[in-house]
C-alpha atoms as a PDB file:
ATOM      1  CA  MET A   1      68.856 -14.565  53.734  1.00  0.00           C
ATOM      2  CA  ARG A   2      67.320 -16.176  50.690  1.00  0.00           C
ATOM      3  CA  ILE A   3      63.566 -16.928  50.885  1.00  0.00           C
ATOM      4  CA  ASP A   4      64.054 -20.609  50.089  1.00  0.00           C
ATOM      5  CA  ALA A   5      66.757 -21.000  52.788  1.00  0.00           C
ATOM      6  CA  PHE A   6      64.538 -19.086  55.347  1.00  0.00           C
ATOM      7  CA  LEU A   7      61.561 -21.328  54.747  1.00  0.00           C
ATOM      8  CA  LYS A   8      63.705 -24.446  55.213  1.00  0.00           C
ATOM      9  CA  LYS A   9      65.524 -23.130  58.320  1.00  0.00           C
ATOM     10  CA  VAL A  10      62.251 -22.249  60.148  1.00  0.00           C
ATOM     11  CA  LEU A  11      60.789 -25.637  59.177  1.00  0.00           C
ATOM     12  CA  LEU A  12      57.989 -24.439  56.960  1.00  0.00           C
ATOM     13  CA  PHE A  13      59.369 -26.799  54.305  1.00  0.00           C
ATOM     14  CA  LYS A  14      61.338 -30.006  54.893  1.00  0.00           C
ATOM     15  CA  LYS A  15      63.715 -29.378  51.973  1.00  0.00           C
ATOM     16  CA  ARG A  16      65.129 -26.255  50.432  1.00  0.00           C
ATOM     17  CA  SER A  17      64.376 -27.683  46.970  1.00  0.00           C
ATOM     18  CA  ASP A  18      60.681 -27.908  47.872  1.00  0.00           C
ATOM     19  CA  ALA A  19      60.648 -24.176  48.776  1.00  0.00           C
ATOM     20  CA  LYS A  20      62.555 -23.353  45.562  1.00  0.00           C
ATOM     21  CA  ARG A  21      60.097 -25.383  43.451  1.00  0.00           C
ATOM     22  CA  MET A  22      57.158 -23.478  45.049  1.00  0.00           C
ATOM     23  CA  CYS A  23      58.890 -20.110  44.214  1.00  0.00           C
ATOM     24  CA  VAL A  24      59.434 -21.227  40.592  1.00  0.00           C
ATOM     25  CA  LYS A  25      55.731 -22.138  40.327  1.00  0.00           C
ATOM     26  CA  ASN A  26      54.838 -18.617  41.631  1.00  0.00           C
ATOM     27  CA  LEU A  27      53.131 -20.065  44.734  1.00  0.00           C
ATOM     28  CA  ILE A  28      55.198 -17.962  47.193  1.00  0.00           C
ATOM     29  CA  ARG A  29      54.878 -14.160  47.473  1.00  0.00           C
ATOM     30  CA  VAL A  30      56.781 -11.690  49.545  1.00  0.00           C
ATOM     31  CA  ASN A  31      54.973  -8.419  50.293  1.00  0.00           C
ATOM     32  CA  GLY A  32      52.395  -9.365  47.635  1.00  0.00           C
ATOM     33  CA  LYS A  33      54.866  -9.931  44.820  1.00  0.00           C
ATOM     34  CA  GLU A  34      55.903 -13.193  43.166  1.00  0.00           C
ATOM     35  CA  VAL A  35      59.542 -13.894  43.934  1.00  0.00           C
ATOM     36  CA  LYS A  36      62.438 -16.058  42.800  1.00  0.00           C
ATOM     37  CA  PRO A  37      64.055 -18.435  45.288  1.00  0.00           C
ATOM     38  CA  SER A  38      67.034 -16.055  45.607  1.00  0.00           C
ATOM     39  CA  LYS A  39      64.881 -13.139  46.906  1.00  0.00           C
ATOM     40  CA  GLN A  40      66.538 -11.689  49.991  1.00  0.00           C
ATOM     41  CA  ILE A  41      64.129 -11.263  52.931  1.00  0.00           C
ATOM     42  CA  THR A  42      64.306  -8.934  55.936  1.00  0.00           C
ATOM     43  CA  PRO A  43      62.451  -8.653  59.232  1.00  0.00           C
ATOM     44  CA  GLY A  44      58.982  -7.177  58.674  1.00  0.00           C
ATOM     45  CA  ASP A  45      58.486  -8.896  55.272  1.00  0.00           C
ATOM     46  CA  THR A  46      55.139 -10.719  54.726  1.00  0.00           C
ATOM     47  CA  ILE A  47      55.366 -14.195  53.147  1.00  0.00           C
ATOM     48  CA  SER A  48      52.317 -15.780  51.500  1.00  0.00           C
ATOM     49  CA  ILE A  49      52.423 -19.471  50.635  1.00  0.00           C
ATOM     50  CA  GLU A  50      49.706 -20.848  48.377  1.00  0.00           C
ATOM     51  CA  SER A  51      48.885 -24.548  48.862  1.00  0.00           C
ATOM     52  CA  ILE A  52      46.089 -27.046  48.427  1.00  0.00           C
ATOM     53  CA  THR A  53      44.701 -26.093  51.792  1.00  0.00           C
ATOM     54  CA  GLY A  54      44.673 -22.353  51.022  1.00  0.00           C
ATOM     55  CA  ILE A  55      46.983 -19.418  51.514  1.00  0.00           C
ATOM     56  CA  GLN A  56      49.081 -19.117  54.708  1.00  0.00           C
ATOM     57  CA  ASN A  57      50.552 -15.759  55.574  1.00  0.00           C
ATOM     58  CA  TYR A  58      53.562 -15.176  57.785  1.00  0.00           C
ATOM     59  CA  ARG A  59      55.505 -12.139  58.966  1.00  0.00           C
ATOM     60  CA  VAL A  60      59.235 -12.415  59.320  1.00  0.00           C
ATOM     61  CA  VAL A  61      60.269 -11.387  62.909  1.00  0.00           C
ATOM     62  CA  THR A  62      64.020 -12.025  62.671  1.00  0.00           C
ATOM     63  CA  ILE A  63      66.487 -13.917  60.467  1.00  0.00           C
ATOM     64  CA  PRO A  64      68.088 -17.054  61.917  1.00  0.00           C
ATOM     65  CA  THR A  65      71.881 -17.179  62.006  1.00  0.00           C
ATOM     66  CA  GLY A  66      72.297 -20.986  62.510  1.00  0.00           C
ATOM     67  CA  ASN A  67      70.213 -24.049  62.807  1.00  0.00           C
ATOM     68  CA  VAL A  68      66.755 -23.614  64.412  1.00  0.00           C
ATOM     69  CA  ARG A  69      65.216 -26.053  66.895  1.00  0.00           C
ATOM     70  CA  LYS A  70      61.537 -27.054  66.602  1.00  0.00           C
ATOM     71  CA  ASN A  71      60.689 -25.289  69.824  1.00  0.00           C
ATOM     72  CA  GLU A  72      62.312 -22.039  68.621  1.00  0.00           C
ATOM     73  CA  ILE A  73      60.694 -21.603  65.248  1.00  0.00           C
ATOM     74  CA  TYR A  74      58.138 -19.031  66.427  1.00  0.00           C
ATOM     75  CA  GLU A  75      60.904 -16.686  67.380  1.00  0.00           C
ATOM     76  CA  TYR A  76      61.612 -16.119  63.657  1.00  0.00           C
ATOM     77  CA  TYR A  77      58.057 -15.715  62.211  1.00  0.00           C
ATOM     78  CA  GLU A  78      54.519 -15.169  63.249  1.00  0.00           C
ATOM     79  CA  GLU A  79      51.369 -16.415  61.489  1.00  0.00           C
ATOM     80  CA  ILE A  80      49.013 -13.800  60.234  1.00  0.00           C
ATOM     81  CA  ALA A  81      45.246 -14.635  60.139  1.00  0.00           C
END
């Protein structure tokens, strides 16, 4: 699954275009590397998102196959301190 689609599906971004814009601005990294919005992610990848409030790190647990409910989002990623 593309990184921009994953971030939208698991509700880390409200719109896929917002995730795409962050990738283009080099504010999203996967496994420490700047990525394009089309980067394919797999379980075990580490995603870092740089924002005004700091850098948030997440580990991909599994890839969603359909729509994700708000109460199910933590089945797909875990926050890293």
